Amino acid sequence: MSTKIYREIYKNILTENMQNSIVALHTNCLFVNFEDGMKRTQEDAEKTKQMILDAGIRIFAEQGYYHTSMEDIAKAANVTRGAVYWHFKNKEDILNSLIDKFRSHIDGLLIHVDEIAGMPGKKEKKSDDAGLQMMDSYMIDSYLFDPFCNLMLRLMMIEQFHNEEIRALYEKTLFTDPYEIQLSVFRKLSSAGAIPEK
């Protein structure tokens, strides 16, 4: 027999064995609930991604963006470099994800503060003081003392001199937004009669 015939027979046997293996695999898996496995796998992937982001912000805030490597982030997250690269193209991708998360957090905070400031209240001093205290508490707890925000502010303080986007975000979140919030709150309180206009 020629080599060509042997190859054809081998190919047919291999293909038939592979087909039988696939059929057996499908038959045996009929009783496995793939949905639970898929959910768990997706949850595990999301958990790993969050661990990488948490480690990234910690390391960026400690060492600075430019002095941090993907290896540093992998070690801090206690995952492999392959896991980091599975979720993120590079460290810029990690930084952009952190910036997006921070912007989303700040936007949510601004909406909530606006809602608190717009709450209809009685024109009693106690009610107004309670509203101001609630807003102060929310701003302090959800912004200044929030661990994620604290690390992002530290990172932005370090990197504002190297990255124009971070500098603009830093100025906006540290200076412009707080000014706009206070201005909006005082206008609403004044129009509600809670504080005198002059």
C-alpha atoms as a PDB file:
ATOM      1  CA  MET A   1       0.000   0.000   0.000  1.00  0.00           C
ATOM      2  CA  SER A   2       1.110   3.482  -0.713  1.00  0.00           C
ATOM      3  CA  THR A   3       1.696   6.167   1.854  1.00  0.00           C
ATOM      4  CA  LYS A   4      -1.245   8.084   0.436  1.00  0.00           C
ATOM      5  CA  ILE A   5      -3.642   5.230   1.235  1.00  0.00           C
ATOM      6  CA  TYR A   6      -2.268   4.896   4.786  1.00  0.00           C
ATOM      7  CA  ARG A   7      -2.777   8.605   5.332  1.00  0.00           C
ATOM      8  CA  GLU A   8      -6.361   8.385   4.076  1.00  0.00           C
ATOM      9  CA  ILE A   9      -7.149   5.388   6.315  1.00  0.00           C
ATOM     10  CA  TYR A  10      -5.514   7.088   9.310  1.00  0.00           C
ATOM     11  CA  LYS A  11      -7.446  10.276   8.571  1.00  0.00           C
ATOM     12  CA  ASN A  12     -10.742   8.371   8.397  1.00  0.00           C
ATOM     13  CA  ILE A  13     -10.033   6.450  11.606  1.00  0.00           C
ATOM     14  CA  LEU A  14      -8.943   9.613  13.390  1.00  0.00           C
ATOM     15  CA  THR A  15     -11.985  11.506  12.141  1.00  0.00           C
ATOM     16  CA  GLU A  16     -14.328   8.656  13.122  1.00  0.00           C
ATOM     17  CA  ASN A  17     -12.726   8.399  16.579  1.00  0.00           C
ATOM     18  CA  MET A  18     -12.983  12.142  17.040  1.00  0.00           C
ATOM     19  CA  GLN A  19     -16.632  12.078  15.961  1.00  0.00           C
ATOM     20  CA  ASN A  20     -17.341   9.216  18.382  1.00  0.00           C
ATOM     21  CA  SER A  21     -15.559  11.112  21.155  1.00  0.00           C
ATOM     22  CA  ILE A  22     -17.574  14.246  20.453  1.00  0.00           C
ATOM     23  CA  VAL A  23     -20.846  12.266  20.429  1.00  0.00           C
ATOM     24  CA  ALA A  24     -19.856  10.603  23.728  1.00  0.00           C
ATOM     25  CA  LEU A  25     -18.938  13.967  25.175  1.00  0.00           C
ATOM     26  CA  HIS A  26     -22.287  15.439  24.134  1.00  0.00           C
ATOM     27  CA  THR A  27     -24.156  12.407  25.451  1.00  0.00           C
ATOM     28  CA  ASN A  28     -22.413  12.523  28.819  1.00  0.00           C
ATOM     29  CA  CYS A  29     -22.956  16.254  29.132  1.00  0.00           C
ATOM     30  CA  LEU A  30     -26.698  16.080  28.629  1.00  0.00           C
ATOM     31  CA  PHE A  31     -27.103  15.836  32.372  1.00  0.00           C
ATOM     32  CA  VAL A  32     -24.751  18.726  33.192  1.00  0.00           C
ATOM     33  CA  ASN A  33     -26.310  22.127  33.840  1.00  0.00           C
ATOM     34  CA  PHE A  34     -24.170  24.414  31.699  1.00  0.00           C
ATOM     35  CA  GLU A  35     -25.992  27.552  32.826  1.00  0.00           C
ATOM     36  CA  ASP A  36     -24.684  27.264  36.403  1.00  0.00           C
ATOM     37  CA  GLY A  37     -21.177  26.708  35.111  1.00  0.00           C
ATOM     38  CA  MET A  38     -21.453  29.658  32.735  1.00  0.00           C
ATOM     39  CA  LYS A  39     -22.719  31.952  35.503  1.00  0.00           C
ATOM     40  CA  ARG A  40     -19.959  30.856  37.834  1.00  0.00           C
ATOM     41  CA  THR A  41     -17.342  31.320  35.127  1.00  0.00           C
ATOM     42  CA  GLN A  42     -18.651  34.797  34.314  1.00  0.00           C
ATOM     43  CA  GLU A  43     -18.791  35.684  38.001  1.00  0.00           C
ATOM     44  CA  ASP A  44     -15.230  34.404  38.465  1.00  0.00           C
ATOM     45  CA  ALA A  45     -14.071  36.443  35.471  1.00  0.00           C
ATOM     46  CA  GLU A  46     -15.740  39.589  36.830  1.00  0.00           C
ATOM     47  CA  LYS A  47     -14.245  38.966  40.265  1.00  0.00           C
ATOM     48  CA  THR A  48     -10.775  38.550  38.737  1.00  0.00           C
ATOM     49  CA  LYS A  49     -11.215  41.707  36.675  1.00  0.00           C
ATOM     50  CA  GLN A  50     -12.245  43.649  39.789  1.00  0.00           C
ATOM     51  CA  MET A  51      -9.248  42.268  41.706  1.00  0.00           C
ATOM     52  CA  ILE A  52      -6.987  43.530  38.910  1.00  0.00           C
ATOM     53  CA  LEU A  53      -8.627  46.984  38.965  1.00  0.00           C
ATOM     54  CA  ASP A  54      -8.346  47.151  42.769  1.00  0.00           C
ATOM     55  CA  ALA A  55      -4.683  46.201  42.612  1.00  0.00           C
ATOM     56  CA  GLY A  56      -4.094  48.606  39.729  1.00  0.00           C
ATOM     57  CA  ILE A  57      -5.438  51.622  41.576  1.00  0.00           C
ATOM     58  CA  ARG A  58      -3.479  50.722  44.728  1.00  0.00           C
ATOM     59  CA  ILE A  59      -0.198  50.293  42.859  1.00  0.00           C
ATOM     60  CA  PHE A  60      -0.750  53.342  40.613  1.00  0.00           C
ATOM     61  CA  ALA A  61      -1.478  55.474  43.698  1.00  0.00           C
ATOM     62  CA  GLU A  62       1.630  54.171  45.475  1.00  0.00           C
ATOM     63  CA  GLN A  63       4.185  54.076  42.649  1.00  0.00           C
ATOM     64  CA  GLY A  64       2.638  56.276  39.980  1.00  0.00           C
ATOM     65  CA  TYR A  65       1.357  55.111  36.613  1.00  0.00           C
ATOM     66  CA  TYR A  66       4.672  55.303  34.771  1.00  0.00           C
ATOM     67  CA  HIS A  67       6.583  53.379  37.438  1.00  0.00           C
ATOM     68  CA  THR A  68       4.080  50.508  37.505  1.00  0.00           C
ATOM     69  CA  SER A  69       4.331  47.438  35.286  1.00  0.00           C
ATOM     70  CA  MET A  70       1.724  44.850  34.379  1.00  0.00           C
ATOM     71  CA  GLU A  71       3.812  42.401  36.417  1.00  0.00           C
ATOM     72  CA  ASP A  72       3.441  44.663  39.489  1.00  0.00           C
ATOM     73  CA  ILE A  73      -0.323  44.694  39.037  1.00  0.00           C
ATOM     74  CA  ALA A  74      -0.494  40.913  38.550  1.00  0.00           C
ATOM     75  CA  LYS A  75       1.511  40.335  41.749  1.00  0.00           C
ATOM     76  CA  ALA A  76      -0.608  42.790  43.738  1.00  0.00           C
ATOM     77  CA  ALA A  77      -3.814  41.151  42.468  1.00  0.00           C
ATOM     78  CA  ASN A  78      -2.379  37.685  43.128  1.00  0.00           C
ATOM     79  CA  VAL A  79      -3.118  36.587  39.557  1.00  0.00           C
ATOM     80  CA  THR A  80      -0.981  35.636  36.588  1.00  0.00           C
ATOM     81  CA  ARG A  81       0.146  38.133  33.969  1.00  0.00           C
ATOM     82  CA  GLY A  82      -1.931  36.110  31.517  1.00  0.00           C
ATOM     83  CA  ALA A  83      -5.052  36.830  33.567  1.00  0.00           C
ATOM     84  CA  VAL A  84      -4.247  40.549  33.518  1.00  0.00           C
ATOM     85  CA  TYR A  85      -3.738  40.495  29.743  1.00  0.00           C
ATOM     86  CA  TRP A  86      -6.925  38.469  29.308  1.00  0.00           C
ATOM     87  CA  HIS A  87      -8.961  41.317  30.791  1.00  0.00           C
ATOM     88  CA  PHE A  88      -6.869  44.328  29.715  1.00  0.00           C
ATOM     89  CA  LYS A  89      -4.744  45.073  26.653  1.00  0.00           C
ATOM     90  CA  ASN A  90      -2.175  47.040  28.638  1.00  0.00           C
ATOM     91  CA  LYS A  91      -1.838  49.245  31.689  1.00  0.00           C
ATOM     92  CA  GLU A  92      -3.359  52.189  29.816  1.00  0.00           C
ATOM     93  CA  ASP A  93      -6.491  50.064  29.411  1.00  0.00           C
ATOM     94  CA  ILE A  94      -6.508  49.507  33.194  1.00  0.00           C
ATOM     95  CA  LEU A  95      -6.067  53.239  33.810  1.00  0.00           C
ATOM     96  CA  ASN A  96      -8.893  54.089  31.382  1.00  0.00           C
ATOM     97  CA  SER A  97     -11.187  51.597  33.136  1.00  0.00           C
ATOM     98  CA  LEU A  98     -10.361  53.211  36.480  1.00  0.00           C
ATOM     99  CA  ILE A  99     -11.017  56.689  35.076  1.00  0.00           C
ATOM    100  CA  ASP A 100     -14.367  55.523  33.657  1.00  0.00           C
ATOM    101  CA  LYS A 101     -15.309  54.011  37.008  1.00  0.00           C
ATOM    102  CA  PHE A 102     -14.315  57.216  38.811  1.00  0.00           C
ATOM    103  CA  ARG A 103     -16.289  59.406  36.388  1.00  0.00           C
ATOM    104  CA  SER A 104     -19.322  57.168  36.828  1.00  0.00           C
ATOM    105  CA  HIS A 105     -18.979  57.363  40.617  1.00  0.00           C
ATOM    106  CA  ILE A 106     -18.692  61.166  40.539  1.00  0.00           C
ATOM    107  CA  ASP A 107     -21.654  61.506  38.150  1.00  0.00           C
ATOM    108  CA  GLY A 108     -23.770  59.369  40.483  1.00  0.00           C
ATOM    109  CA  LEU A 109     -22.617  61.449  43.426  1.00  0.00           C
ATOM    110  CA  LEU A 110     -23.533  64.701  41.669  1.00  0.00           C
ATOM    111  CA  ILE A 111     -26.987  63.382  40.794  1.00  0.00           C
ATOM    112  CA  HIS A 112     -27.582  62.293  44.392  1.00  0.00           C
ATOM    113  CA  VAL A 113     -26.371  65.613  45.815  1.00  0.00           C
ATOM    114  CA  ASP A 114     -28.637  67.426  43.368  1.00  0.00           C
ATOM    115  CA  GLU A 115     -31.564  65.281  44.542  1.00  0.00           C
ATOM    116  CA  ILE A 116     -30.791  66.036  48.199  1.00  0.00           C
ATOM    117  CA  ALA A 117     -30.533  69.752  47.483  1.00  0.00           C
ATOM    118  CA  GLY A 118     -33.830  69.673  45.593  1.00  0.00           C
ATOM    119  CA  MET A 119     -35.741  67.838  48.313  1.00  0.00           C
ATOM    120  CA  PRO A 120     -38.871  69.741  49.232  1.00  0.00           C
ATOM    121  CA  GLY A 121     -38.565  70.787  52.832  1.00  0.00           C
ATOM    122  CA  LYS A 122     -40.490  72.757  55.306  1.00  0.00           C
ATOM    123  CA  LYS A 123     -39.276  76.247  55.816  1.00  0.00           C
ATOM    124  CA  GLU A 124     -38.199  75.344  59.290  1.00  0.00           C
ATOM    125  CA  LYS A 125     -34.629  75.782  60.425  1.00  0.00           C
ATOM    126  CA  LYS A 126     -34.411  72.168  61.715  1.00  0.00           C
ATOM    127  CA  SER A 127     -35.436  70.730  58.350  1.00  0.00           C
ATOM    128  CA  ASP A 128     -32.900  72.849  56.482  1.00  0.00           C
ATOM    129  CA  ASP A 129     -30.101  71.979  58.887  1.00  0.00           C
ATOM    130  CA  ALA A 130     -30.910  68.280  58.518  1.00  0.00           C
ATOM    131  CA  GLY A 131     -30.767  68.570  54.725  1.00  0.00           C
ATOM    132  CA  LEU A 132     -27.401  70.335  54.864  1.00  0.00           C
ATOM    133  CA  GLN A 133     -26.040  67.770  57.332  1.00  0.00           C
ATOM    134  CA  MET A 134     -27.262  64.919  55.130  1.00  0.00           C
ATOM    135  CA  MET A 135     -25.585  66.469  52.094  1.00  0.00           C
ATOM    136  CA  ASP A 136     -22.346  67.152  53.982  1.00  0.00           C
ATOM    137  CA  SER A 137     -22.305  63.616  55.327  1.00  0.00           C
ATOM    138  CA  TYR A 138     -22.944  62.145  51.898  1.00  0.00           C
ATOM    139  CA  MET A 139     -20.211  64.232  50.265  1.00  0.00           C
ATOM    140  CA  ILE A 140     -17.700  63.371  52.951  1.00  0.00           C
ATOM    141  CA  ASP A 141     -18.516  59.653  53.147  1.00  0.00           C
ATOM    142  CA  SER A 142     -19.037  59.047  49.422  1.00  0.00           C
ATOM    143  CA  TYR A 143     -16.257  61.234  48.123  1.00  0.00           C
ATOM    144  CA  LEU A 144     -13.547  62.349  50.494  1.00  0.00           C
ATOM    145  CA  PHE A 145     -13.470  59.216  52.664  1.00  0.00           C
ATOM    146  CA  ASP A 146     -14.368  56.721  49.969  1.00  0.00           C
ATOM    147  CA  PRO A 147     -11.290  54.450  49.567  1.00  0.00           C
ATOM    148  CA  PHE A 148     -11.580  54.282  45.771  1.00  0.00           C
ATOM    149  CA  CYS A 149     -12.015  58.050  45.390  1.00  0.00           C
ATOM    150  CA  ASN A 150      -9.162  58.654  47.795  1.00  0.00           C
ATOM    151  CA  LEU A 151      -6.804  56.476  45.751  1.00  0.00           C
ATOM    152  CA  MET A 152      -7.973  58.049  42.482  1.00  0.00           C
ATOM    153  CA  LEU A 153      -7.365  61.555  43.841  1.00  0.00           C
ATOM    154  CA  ARG A 154      -3.899  60.495  44.950  1.00  0.00           C
ATOM    155  CA  LEU A 155      -3.179  58.992  41.532  1.00  0.00           C
ATOM    156  CA  MET A 156      -4.466  62.106  39.773  1.00  0.00           C
ATOM    157  CA  MET A 157      -2.382  64.349  42.024  1.00  0.00           C
ATOM    158  CA  ILE A 158       0.748  62.396  41.025  1.00  0.00           C
ATOM    159  CA  GLU A 159      -0.047  62.006  37.327  1.00  0.00           C
ATOM    160  CA  GLN A 160      -1.531  65.437  36.560  1.00  0.00           C
ATOM    161  CA  PHE A 161       1.922  66.601  35.474  1.00  0.00           C
ATOM    162  CA  HIS A 162       2.349  63.750  32.972  1.00  0.00           C
ATOM    163  CA  ASN A 163      -1.121  63.242  31.528  1.00  0.00           C
ATOM    164  CA  GLU A 164      -3.366  66.029  30.222  1.00  0.00           C
ATOM    165  CA  GLU A 165      -6.577  63.988  30.545  1.00  0.00           C
ATOM    166  CA  ILE A 166      -5.825  63.210  34.180  1.00  0.00           C
ATOM    167  CA  ARG A 167      -4.954  66.852  34.874  1.00  0.00           C
ATOM    168  CA  ALA A 168      -8.308  67.985  33.456  1.00  0.00           C
ATOM    169  CA  LEU A 169     -10.181  65.326  35.442  1.00  0.00           C
ATOM    170  CA  TYR A 170      -8.292  66.272  38.605  1.00  0.00           C
ATOM    171  CA  GLU A 171      -9.150  69.961  38.235  1.00  0.00           C
ATOM    172  CA  LYS A 172     -12.773  69.151  37.444  1.00  0.00           C
ATOM    173  CA  THR A 173     -13.333  66.795  40.378  1.00  0.00           C
ATOM    174  CA  LEU A 174     -11.310  68.746  42.927  1.00  0.00           C
ATOM    175  CA  PHE A 175     -12.190  72.323  42.006  1.00  0.00           C
ATOM    176  CA  THR A 176     -14.903  72.801  39.380  1.00  0.00           C
ATOM    177  CA  ASP A 177     -17.427  70.154  40.507  1.00  0.00           C
ATOM    178  CA  PRO A 178     -17.326  71.069  44.226  1.00  0.00           C
ATOM    179  CA  TYR A 179     -17.790  74.739  43.348  1.00  0.00           C
ATOM    180  CA  GLU A 180     -20.742  73.922  41.056  1.00  0.00           C
ATOM    181  CA  ILE A 181     -22.284  71.675  43.706  1.00  0.00           C
ATOM    182  CA  GLN A 182     -22.048  74.328  46.395  1.00  0.00           C
ATOM    183  CA  LEU A 183     -23.396  76.998  44.081  1.00  0.00           C
ATOM    184  CA  SER A 184     -26.345  74.804  43.084  1.00  0.00           C
ATOM    185  CA  VAL A 185     -27.109  73.830  46.664  1.00  0.00           C
ATOM    186  CA  PHE A 186     -27.046  77.391  47.961  1.00  0.00           C
ATOM    187  CA  ARG A 187     -29.234  78.595  45.091  1.00  0.00           C
ATOM    188  CA  LYS A 188     -31.801  75.886  45.811  1.00  0.00           C
ATOM    189  CA  LEU A 189     -31.730  76.530  49.541  1.00  0.00           C
ATOM    190  CA  SER A 190     -32.069  80.243  48.926  1.00  0.00           C
ATOM    191  CA  SER A 191     -34.996  79.829  46.526  1.00  0.00           C
ATOM    192  CA  ALA A 192     -36.674  77.504  49.054  1.00  0.00           C
ATOM    193  CA  GLY A 193     -36.285  80.206  51.699  1.00  0.00           C
ATOM    194  CA  ALA A 194     -33.958  78.103  53.797  1.00  0.00           C
ATOM    195  CA  ILE A 195     -31.233  80.737  53.771  1.00  0.00           C
ATOM    196  CA  PRO A 196     -31.558  84.464  53.168  1.00  0.00           C
ATOM    197  CA  GLU A 197     -30.499  85.759  49.770  1.00  0.00           C
ATOM    198  CA  LYS A 198     -28.316  88.498  51.257  1.00  0.00           C
END
